Amino acid sequence: MYPSHEKDVYGWAVRTAQLLREKKMSEVDFEGIIEEIGSDKYELINRLSLDNILADAYDIAISKAAKETSLDEKDFPTENAPKYFRKAVC
């Protein structure tokens, strides 16, 4: 499955690079490339930062844990989570 650049910018970038290396141009998300390159440089840097990748992973982990335990997502810690688990803002 092709990762969406709106939901998984890192996964999308890795997959896009792979498709470009393999010259599979018909599979490349050129609209996504145009959108990402044309975006404000600070927004792009922020979206690609390790802090945001970790924060996204933490959010996904909480969602999965909530589904597996039938607990509400708000029952999982976020306030006391390490700073790199919280969304970075430039």
PDB file of N, CA and C in Angstrom:
ATOM      1  N   MET A   1       0.850  -1.190   0.000  1.00  0.00           N
ATOM      2  CA  MET A   1       0.000   0.000   0.000  1.00  0.00           C
ATOM      3  C   MET A   1       0.889   1.245   0.000  1.00  0.00           C
ATOM      4  N   TYR A   2       0.528   2.213  -0.766  1.00  0.00           N
ATOM      5  CA  TYR A   2       1.291   3.453  -0.913  1.00  0.00           C
ATOM      6  C   TYR A   2       0.933   4.397   0.229  1.00  0.00           C
ATOM      7  N   PRO A   3       1.907   4.759   1.077  1.00  0.00           N
ATOM      8  CA  PRO A   3       1.597   5.665   2.194  1.00  0.00           C
ATOM      9  C   PRO A   3       1.182   7.056   1.696  1.00  0.00           C
ATOM     10  N   SER A   4       0.224   7.639   2.357  1.00  0.00           N
ATOM     11  CA  SER A   4      -0.239   8.989   2.031  1.00  0.00           C
ATOM     12  C   SER A   4       0.703  10.016   2.641  1.00  0.00           C
ATOM     13  N   HIS A   5       1.038  11.054   1.864  1.00  0.00           N
ATOM     14  CA  HIS A   5       1.933  12.071   2.417  1.00  0.00           C
ATOM     15  C   HIS A   5       1.248  12.899   3.493  1.00  0.00           C
ATOM     16  N   GLU A   6      -0.077  12.910   3.533  1.00  0.00           N
ATOM     17  CA  GLU A   6      -0.781  13.643   4.586  1.00  0.00           C
ATOM     18  C   GLU A   6      -0.718  12.891   5.915  1.00  0.00           C
ATOM     19  N   LYS A   7      -0.697  11.561   5.873  1.00  0.00           N
ATOM     20  CA  LYS A   7      -0.757  10.769   7.097  1.00  0.00           C
ATOM     21  C   LYS A   7       0.601  10.239   7.541  1.00  0.00           C
ATOM     22  N   ASP A   8       1.501   9.980   6.595  1.00  0.00           N
ATOM     23  CA  ASP A   8       2.796   9.390   6.923  1.00  0.00           C
ATOM     24  C   ASP A   8       3.848   9.971   5.989  1.00  0.00           C
ATOM     25  N   VAL A   9       4.288  11.191   6.266  1.00  0.00           N
ATOM     26  CA  VAL A   9       5.203  11.883   5.361  1.00  0.00           C
ATOM     27  C   VAL A   9       6.530  11.151   5.232  1.00  0.00           C
ATOM     28  N   TYR A  10       7.010  10.559   6.303  1.00  0.00           N
ATOM     29  CA  TYR A  10       8.279   9.833   6.223  1.00  0.00           C
ATOM     30  C   TYR A  10       8.132   8.576   5.365  1.00  0.00           C
ATOM     31  N   GLY A  11       7.111   7.770   5.643  1.00  0.00           N
ATOM     32  CA  GLY A  11       6.874   6.562   4.856  1.00  0.00           C
ATOM     33  C   GLY A  11       6.636   6.887   3.394  1.00  0.00           C
ATOM     34  N   TRP A  12       5.879   7.948   3.160  1.00  0.00           N
ATOM     35  CA  TRP A  12       5.601   8.391   1.791  1.00  0.00           C
ATOM     36  C   TRP A  12       6.894   8.813   1.100  1.00  0.00           C
ATOM     37  N   ALA A  13       7.763   9.554   1.796  1.00  0.00           N
ATOM     38  CA  ALA A  13       9.013  10.022   1.196  1.00  0.00           C
ATOM     39  C   ALA A  13       9.933   8.850   0.862  1.00  0.00           C
ATOM     40  N   VAL A  14      10.023   7.870   1.758  1.00  0.00           N
ATOM     41  CA  VAL A  14      10.858   6.691   1.514  1.00  0.00           C
ATOM     42  C   VAL A  14      10.334   5.922   0.306  1.00  0.00           C
ATOM     43  N   ARG A  15       9.019   5.716   0.264  1.00  0.00           N
ATOM     44  CA  ARG A  15       8.410   4.982  -0.863  1.00  0.00           C
ATOM     45  C   ARG A  15       8.580   5.757  -2.169  1.00  0.00           C
ATOM     46  N   THR A  16       8.392   7.056  -2.130  1.00  0.00           N
ATOM     47  CA  THR A  16       8.548   7.881  -3.331  1.00  0.00           C
ATOM     48  C   THR A  16       9.980   7.805  -3.844  1.00  0.00           C
ATOM     49  N   ALA A  17      10.952   7.887  -2.948  1.00  0.00           N
ATOM     50  CA  ALA A  17      12.358   7.782  -3.357  1.00  0.00           C
ATOM     51  C   ALA A  17      12.639   6.427  -4.002  1.00  0.00           C
ATOM     52  N   GLN A  18      12.063   5.383  -3.425  1.00  0.00           N
ATOM     53  CA  GLN A  18      12.241   4.038  -3.992  1.00  0.00           C
ATOM     54  C   GLN A  18      11.656   3.965  -5.407  1.00  0.00           C
ATOM     55  N   LEU A  19      10.457   4.493  -5.589  1.00  0.00           N
ATOM     56  CA  LEU A  19       9.821   4.486  -6.911  1.00  0.00           C
ATOM     57  C   LEU A  19      10.625   5.290  -7.921  1.00  0.00           C
ATOM     58  N   LEU A  20      11.172   6.426  -7.494  1.00  0.00           N
ATOM     59  CA  LEU A  20      11.980   7.243  -8.395  1.00  0.00           C
ATOM     60  C   LEU A  20      13.270   6.518  -8.783  1.00  0.00           C
ATOM     61  N   ARG A  21      13.915   5.864  -7.804  1.00  0.00           N
ATOM     62  CA  ARG A  21      15.135   5.105  -8.108  1.00  0.00           C
ATOM     63  C   ARG A  21      14.845   3.988  -9.109  1.00  0.00           C
ATOM     64  N   GLU A  22      13.686   3.364  -8.964  1.00  0.00           N
ATOM     65  CA  GLU A  22      13.298   2.260  -9.847  1.00  0.00           C
ATOM     66  C   GLU A  22      12.684   2.759 -11.156  1.00  0.00           C
ATOM     67  N   LYS A  23      12.582   4.094 -11.280  1.00  0.00           N
ATOM     68  CA  LYS A  23      12.011   4.734 -12.470  1.00  0.00           C
ATOM     69  C   LYS A  23      10.580   4.250 -12.772  1.00  0.00           C
ATOM     70  N   LYS A  24       9.805   4.042 -11.717  1.00  0.00           N
ATOM     71  CA  LYS A  24       8.402   3.650 -11.838  1.00  0.00           C
ATOM     72  C   LYS A  24       7.538   4.904 -11.784  1.00  0.00           C
ATOM     73  N   MET A  25       7.700   5.740 -12.784  1.00  0.00           N
ATOM     74  CA  MET A  25       7.078   7.062 -12.799  1.00  0.00           C
ATOM     75  C   MET A  25       5.551   7.004 -12.758  1.00  0.00           C
ATOM     76  N   SER A  26       4.968   5.961 -13.299  1.00  0.00           N
ATOM     77  CA  SER A  26       3.504   5.875 -13.303  1.00  0.00           C
ATOM     78  C   SER A  26       2.948   5.675 -11.890  1.00  0.00           C
ATOM     79  N   GLU A  27       3.798   5.231 -10.950  1.00  0.00           N
ATOM     80  CA  GLU A  27       3.349   4.998  -9.576  1.00  0.00           C
ATOM     81  C   GLU A  27       3.681   6.148  -8.632  1.00  0.00           C
ATOM     82  N   VAL A  28       4.455   7.123  -9.105  1.00  0.00           N
ATOM     83  CA  VAL A  28       4.904   8.229  -8.253  1.00  0.00           C
ATOM     84  C   VAL A  28       3.761   9.216  -8.019  1.00  0.00           C
ATOM     85  N   ASP A  29       3.626   9.654  -6.790  1.00  0.00           N
ATOM     86  CA  ASP A  29       2.614  10.644  -6.389  1.00  0.00           C
ATOM     87  C   ASP A  29       3.161  12.049  -6.663  1.00  0.00           C
ATOM     88  N   PHE A  30       3.088  12.479  -7.920  1.00  0.00           N
ATOM     89  CA  PHE A  30       3.653  13.781  -8.288  1.00  0.00           C
ATOM     90  C   PHE A  30       2.901  14.934  -7.633  1.00  0.00           C
ATOM     91  N   GLU A  31       1.600  14.798  -7.443  1.00  0.00           N
ATOM     92  CA  GLU A  31       0.833  15.857  -6.758  1.00  0.00           C
ATOM     93  C   GLU A  31       1.348  16.027  -5.326  1.00  0.00           C
ATOM     94  N   GLY A  32       1.633  14.912  -4.670  1.00  0.00           N
ATOM     95  CA  GLY A  32       2.184  14.975  -3.319  1.00  0.00           C
ATOM     96  C   GLY A  32       3.555  15.617  -3.300  1.00  0.00           C
ATOM     97  N   ILE A  33       4.393  15.282  -4.296  1.00  0.00           N
ATOM     98  CA  ILE A  33       5.726  15.887  -4.390  1.00  0.00           C
ATOM     99  C   ILE A  33       5.604  17.393  -4.564  1.00  0.00           C
ATOM    100  N   ILE A  34       4.737  17.811  -5.465  1.00  0.00           N
ATOM    101  CA  ILE A  34       4.536  19.239  -5.715  1.00  0.00           C
ATOM    102  C   ILE A  34       4.049  19.931  -4.450  1.00  0.00           C
ATOM    103  N   GLU A  35       3.118  19.307  -3.756  1.00  0.00           N
ATOM    104  CA  GLU A  35       2.581  19.899  -2.527  1.00  0.00           C
ATOM    105  C   GLU A  35       3.667  20.015  -1.453  1.00  0.00           C
ATOM    106  N   GLU A  36       4.468  18.964  -1.286  1.00  0.00           N
ATOM    107  CA  GLU A  36       5.510  18.987  -0.261  1.00  0.00           C
ATOM    108  C   GLU A  36       6.619  19.978  -0.595  1.00  0.00           C
ATOM    109  N   ILE A  37       7.066  20.000  -1.834  1.00  0.00           N
ATOM    110  CA  ILE A  37       8.131  20.926  -2.218  1.00  0.00           C
ATOM    111  C   ILE A  37       7.640  22.366  -2.163  1.00  0.00           C
ATOM    112  N   GLY A  38       6.389  22.582  -2.508  1.00  0.00           N
ATOM    113  CA  GLY A  38       5.830  23.928  -2.523  1.00  0.00           C
ATOM    114  C   GLY A  38       5.410  24.432  -1.164  1.00  0.00           C
ATOM    115  N   SER A  39       5.432  23.565  -0.149  1.00  0.00           N
ATOM    116  CA  SER A  39       4.994  23.998   1.173  1.00  0.00           C
ATOM    117  C   SER A  39       6.052  24.883   1.817  1.00  0.00           C
ATOM    118  N   ASP A  40       5.639  25.634   2.796  1.00  0.00           N
ATOM    119  CA  ASP A  40       6.546  26.491   3.547  1.00  0.00           C
ATOM    120  C   ASP A  40       7.698  25.658   4.103  1.00  0.00           C
ATOM    121  N   LYS A  41       8.945  26.110   3.927  1.00  0.00           N
ATOM    122  CA  LYS A  41      10.098  25.292   4.307  1.00  0.00           C
ATOM    123  C   LYS A  41      10.100  24.937   5.790  1.00  0.00           C
ATOM    124  N   TYR A  42       9.606  25.809   6.646  1.00  0.00           N
ATOM    125  CA  TYR A  42       9.586  25.494   8.065  1.00  0.00           C
ATOM    126  C   TYR A  42       8.556  24.420   8.373  1.00  0.00           C
ATOM    127  N   GLU A  43       7.454  24.440   7.644  1.00  0.00           N
ATOM    128  CA  GLU A  43       6.452  23.396   7.824  1.00  0.00           C
ATOM    129  C   GLU A  43       7.025  22.053   7.401  1.00  0.00           C
ATOM    130  N   LEU A  44       7.731  22.019   6.282  1.00  0.00           N
ATOM    131  CA  LEU A  44       8.319  20.778   5.797  1.00  0.00           C
ATOM    132  C   LEU A  44       9.364  20.264   6.784  1.00  0.00           C
ATOM    133  N   ILE A  45      10.226  21.142   7.278  1.00  0.00           N
ATOM    134  CA  ILE A  45      11.237  20.739   8.254  1.00  0.00           C
ATOM    135  C   ILE A  45      10.559  20.195   9.507  1.00  0.00           C
ATOM    136  N   ASN A  46       9.502  20.866   9.949  1.00  0.00           N
ATOM    137  CA  ASN A  46       8.769  20.430  11.134  1.00  0.00           C
ATOM    138  C   ASN A  46       8.154  19.055  10.918  1.00  0.00           C
ATOM    139  N   ARG A  47       7.554  18.825   9.771  1.00  0.00           N
ATOM    140  CA  ARG A  47       6.891  17.552   9.492  1.00  0.00           C
ATOM    141  C   ARG A  47       7.887  16.416   9.377  1.00  0.00           C
ATOM    142  N   LEU A  48       9.118  16.712   8.969  1.00  0.00           N
ATOM    143  CA  LEU A  48      10.119  15.666   8.820  1.00  0.00           C
ATOM    144  C   LEU A  48      10.981  15.482  10.058  1.00  0.00           C
ATOM    145  N   SER A  49      10.771  16.302  11.070  1.00  0.00           N
ATOM    146  CA  SER A  49      11.622  16.238  12.252  1.00  0.00           C
ATOM    147  C   SER A  49      11.414  14.937  13.024  1.00  0.00           C
ATOM    148  N   LEU A  50      12.474  14.503  13.670  1.00  0.00           N
ATOM    149  CA  LEU A  50      12.404  13.285  14.468  1.00  0.00           C
ATOM    150  C   LEU A  50      11.377  13.417  15.583  1.00  0.00           C
ATOM    151  N   ASP A  51      11.265  14.598  16.170  1.00  0.00           N
ATOM    152  CA  ASP A  51      10.278  14.790  17.227  1.00  0.00           C
ATOM    153  C   ASP A  51       8.884  14.473  16.732  1.00  0.00           C
ATOM    154  N   ASN A  52       8.545  14.934  15.538  1.00  0.00           N
ATOM    155  CA  ASN A  52       7.212  14.668  15.019  1.00  0.00           C
ATOM    156  C   ASN A  52       7.024  13.211  14.652  1.00  0.00           C
ATOM    157  N   ILE A  53       8.069  12.578  14.155  1.00  0.00           N
ATOM    158  CA  ILE A  53       7.968  11.154  13.834  1.00  0.00           C
ATOM    159  C   ILE A  53       7.688  10.360  15.108  1.00  0.00           C
ATOM    160  N   LEU A  54       8.409  10.680  16.186  1.00  0.00           N
ATOM    161  CA  LEU A  54       8.185  10.002  17.461  1.00  0.00           C
ATOM    162  C   LEU A  54       6.802  10.319  18.022  1.00  0.00           C
ATOM    163  N   ALA A  55       6.387  11.571  17.899  1.00  0.00           N
ATOM    164  CA  ALA A  55       5.055  11.951  18.392  1.00  0.00           C
ATOM    165  C   ALA A  55       3.972  11.209  17.615  1.00  0.00           C
ATOM    166  N   ASP A  56       4.129  11.100  16.302  1.00  0.00           N
ATOM    167  CA  ASP A  56       3.155  10.360  15.497  1.00  0.00           C
ATOM    168  C   ASP A  56       3.128   8.889  15.905  1.00  0.00           C
ATOM    169  N   ALA A  57       4.308   8.303  16.122  1.00  0.00           N
ATOM    170  CA  ALA A  57       4.387   6.904  16.534  1.00  0.00           C
ATOM    171  C   ALA A  57       3.706   6.707  17.896  1.00  0.00           C
ATOM    172  N   TYR A  58       3.901   7.668  18.795  1.00  0.00           N
ATOM    173  CA  TYR A  58       3.272   7.593  20.119  1.00  0.00           C
ATOM    174  C   TYR A  58       1.750   7.669  19.992  1.00  0.00           C
ATOM    175  N   ASP A  59       1.266   8.575  19.139  1.00  0.00           N
ATOM    176  CA  ASP A  59      -0.180   8.684  18.905  1.00  0.00           C
ATOM    177  C   ASP A  59      -0.748   7.386  18.348  1.00  0.00           C
ATOM    178  N   ILE A  60      -0.041   6.784  17.409  1.00  0.00           N
ATOM    179  CA  ILE A  60      -0.484   5.519  16.816  1.00  0.00           C
ATOM    180  C   ILE A  60      -0.493   4.421  17.870  1.00  0.00           C
ATOM    181  N   ALA A  61       0.550   4.380  18.704  1.00  0.00           N
ATOM    182  CA  ALA A  61       0.629   3.370  19.763  1.00  0.00           C
ATOM    183  C   ALA A  61      -0.529   3.516  20.748  1.00  0.00           C
ATOM    184  N   ILE A  62      -0.867   4.745  21.099  1.00  0.00           N
ATOM    185  CA  ILE A  62      -1.998   4.974  22.011  1.00  0.00           C
ATOM    186  C   ILE A  62      -3.298   4.490  21.370  1.00  0.00           C
ATOM    187  N   SER A  63      -3.493   4.799  20.106  1.00  0.00           N
ATOM    188  CA  SER A  63      -4.714   4.365  19.406  1.00  0.00           C
ATOM    189  C   SER A  63      -4.819   2.844  19.386  1.00  0.00           C
ATOM    190  N   LYS A  64      -3.702   2.181  19.077  1.00  0.00           N
ATOM    191  CA  LYS A  64      -3.710   0.714  19.040  1.00  0.00           C
ATOM    192  C   LYS A  64      -3.948   0.128  20.431  1.00  0.00           C
ATOM    193  N   ALA A  65      -3.292   0.707  21.437  1.00  0.00           N
ATOM    194  CA  ALA A  65      -3.473   0.216  22.801  1.00  0.00           C
ATOM    195  C   ALA A  65      -4.913   0.405  23.264  1.00  0.00           C
ATOM    196  N   ALA A  66      -5.516   1.517  22.887  1.00  0.00           N
ATOM    197  CA  ALA A  66      -6.909   1.772  23.261  1.00  0.00           C
ATOM    198  C   ALA A  66      -7.833   0.729  22.641  1.00  0.00           C
ATOM    199  N   LYS A  67      -7.597   0.402  21.385  1.00  0.00           N
ATOM    200  CA  LYS A  67      -8.433  -0.608  20.712  1.00  0.00           C
ATOM    201  C   LYS A  67      -8.249  -1.983  21.347  1.00  0.00           C
ATOM    202  N   GLU A  68      -7.003  -2.335  21.673  1.00  0.00           N
ATOM    203  CA  GLU A  68      -6.724  -3.651  22.238  1.00  0.00           C
ATOM    204  C   GLU A  68      -7.245  -3.810  23.658  1.00  0.00           C
ATOM    205  N   THR A  69      -7.295  -2.716  24.405  1.00  0.00           N
ATOM    206  CA  THR A  69      -7.702  -2.790  25.812  1.00  0.00           C
ATOM    207  C   THR A  69      -9.129  -2.325  26.048  1.00  0.00           C
ATOM    208  N   SER A  70      -9.752  -1.761  25.036  1.00  0.00           N
ATOM    209  CA  SER A  70     -11.096  -1.178  25.146  1.00  0.00           C
ATOM    210  C   SER A  70     -11.132   0.027  26.079  1.00  0.00           C
ATOM    211  N   LEU A  71      -9.973   0.597  26.375  1.00  0.00           N
ATOM    212  CA  LEU A  71      -9.905   1.826  27.163  1.00  0.00           C
ATOM    213  C   LEU A  71     -10.009   3.023  26.226  1.00  0.00           C
ATOM    214  N   ASP A  72     -10.384   4.151  26.777  1.00  0.00           N
ATOM    215  CA  ASP A  72     -10.444   5.379  26.008  1.00  0.00           C
ATOM    216  C   ASP A  72      -9.025   5.916  25.819  1.00  0.00           C
ATOM    217  N   GLU A  73      -8.759   6.517  24.660  1.00  0.00           N
ATOM    218  CA  GLU A  73      -7.424   7.069  24.390  1.00  0.00           C
ATOM    219  C   GLU A  73      -6.998   8.086  25.438  1.00  0.00           C
ATOM    220  N   LYS A  74      -7.964   8.811  26.008  1.00  0.00           N
ATOM    221  CA  LYS A  74      -7.611   9.825  27.005  1.00  0.00           C
ATOM    222  C   LYS A  74      -7.122   9.206  28.312  1.00  0.00           C
ATOM    223  N   ASP A  75      -7.304   7.879  28.470  1.00  0.00           N
ATOM    224  CA  ASP A  75      -6.820   7.196  29.667  1.00  0.00           C
ATOM    225  C   ASP A  75      -5.319   6.915  29.619  1.00  0.00           C
ATOM    226  N   PHE A  76      -4.707   7.118  28.464  1.00  0.00           N
ATOM    227  CA  PHE A  76      -3.273   6.878  28.311  1.00  0.00           C
ATOM    228  C   PHE A  76      -2.511   8.180  28.525  1.00  0.00           C
ATOM    229  N   PRO A  77      -1.313   8.097  29.092  1.00  0.00           N
ATOM    230  CA  PRO A  77      -0.564   9.314  29.420  1.00  0.00           C
ATOM    231  C   PRO A  77      -0.100  10.078  28.190  1.00  0.00           C
ATOM    232  N   THR A  78      -0.289  11.387  28.254  1.00  0.00           N
ATOM    233  CA  THR A  78       0.264  12.260  27.218  1.00  0.00           C
ATOM    234  C   THR A  78       0.930  13.472  27.866  1.00  0.00           C
ATOM    235  N   GLU A  79       0.336  13.959  28.948  1.00  0.00           N
ATOM    236  CA  GLU A  79       0.865  15.164  29.598  1.00  0.00           C
ATOM    237  C   GLU A  79       2.271  14.950  30.145  1.00  0.00           C
ATOM    238  N   ASN A  80       2.529  13.799  30.728  1.00  0.00           N
ATOM    239  CA  ASN A  80       3.829  13.531  31.336  1.00  0.00           C
ATOM    240  C   ASN A  80       4.755  12.758  30.401  1.00  0.00           C
ATOM    241  N   ALA A  81       4.342  12.595  29.171  1.00  0.00           N
ATOM    242  CA  ALA A  81       5.193  11.900  28.198  1.00  0.00           C
ATOM    243  C   ALA A  81       6.421  12.756  27.919  1.00  0.00           C
ATOM    244  N   PRO A  82       7.537  12.108  27.595  1.00  0.00           N
ATOM    245  CA  PRO A  82       8.733  12.901  27.249  1.00  0.00           C
ATOM    246  C   PRO A  82       8.431  13.901  26.146  1.00  0.00           C
ATOM    247  N   LYS A  83       9.153  15.017  26.159  1.00  0.00           N
ATOM    248  CA  LYS A  83       8.849  16.097  25.219  1.00  0.00           C
ATOM    249  C   LYS A  83       8.889  15.641  23.775  1.00  0.00           C
ATOM    250  N   TYR A  84       9.720  14.652  23.449  1.00  0.00           N
ATOM    251  CA  TYR A  84       9.795  14.218  22.062  1.00  0.00           C
ATOM    252  C   TYR A  84       8.594  13.394  21.637  1.00  0.00           C
ATOM    253  N   PHE A  85       7.690  13.092  22.554  1.00  0.00           N
ATOM    254  CA  PHE A  85       6.452  12.420  22.183  1.00  0.00           C
ATOM    255  C   PHE A  85       5.327  13.425  21.927  1.00  0.00           C
ATOM    256  N   ARG A  86       5.593  14.687  22.135  1.00  0.00           N
ATOM    257  CA  ARG A  86       4.586  15.728  21.867  1.00  0.00           C
ATOM    258  C   ARG A  86       4.917  16.429  20.571  1.00  0.00           C
ATOM    259  N   LYS A  87       3.902  16.851  19.858  1.00  0.00           N
ATOM    260  CA  LYS A  87       4.088  17.498  18.549  1.00  0.00           C
ATOM    261  C   LYS A  87       4.972  18.728  18.686  1.00  0.00           C
ATOM    262  N   ALA A  88       5.984  18.805  17.822  1.00  0.00           N
ATOM    263  CA  ALA A  88       6.870  19.970  17.784  1.00  0.00           C
ATOM    264  C   ALA A  88       6.217  21.071  16.958  1.00  0.00           C
ATOM    265  N   VAL A  89       6.426  22.296  17.352  1.00  0.00           N
ATOM    266  CA  VAL A  89       5.885  23.434  16.627  1.00  0.00           C
ATOM    267  C   VAL A  89       7.019  24.405  16.345  1.00  0.00           C
ATOM    268  N   CYS A  90       7.198  24.749  15.066  1.00  0.00           N
ATOM    269  CA  CYS A  90       8.243  25.717  14.721  1.00  0.00           C
ATOM    270  C   CYS A  90       7.746  27.129  14.914  1.00  0.00           C
TER     271      CYS A  90
END
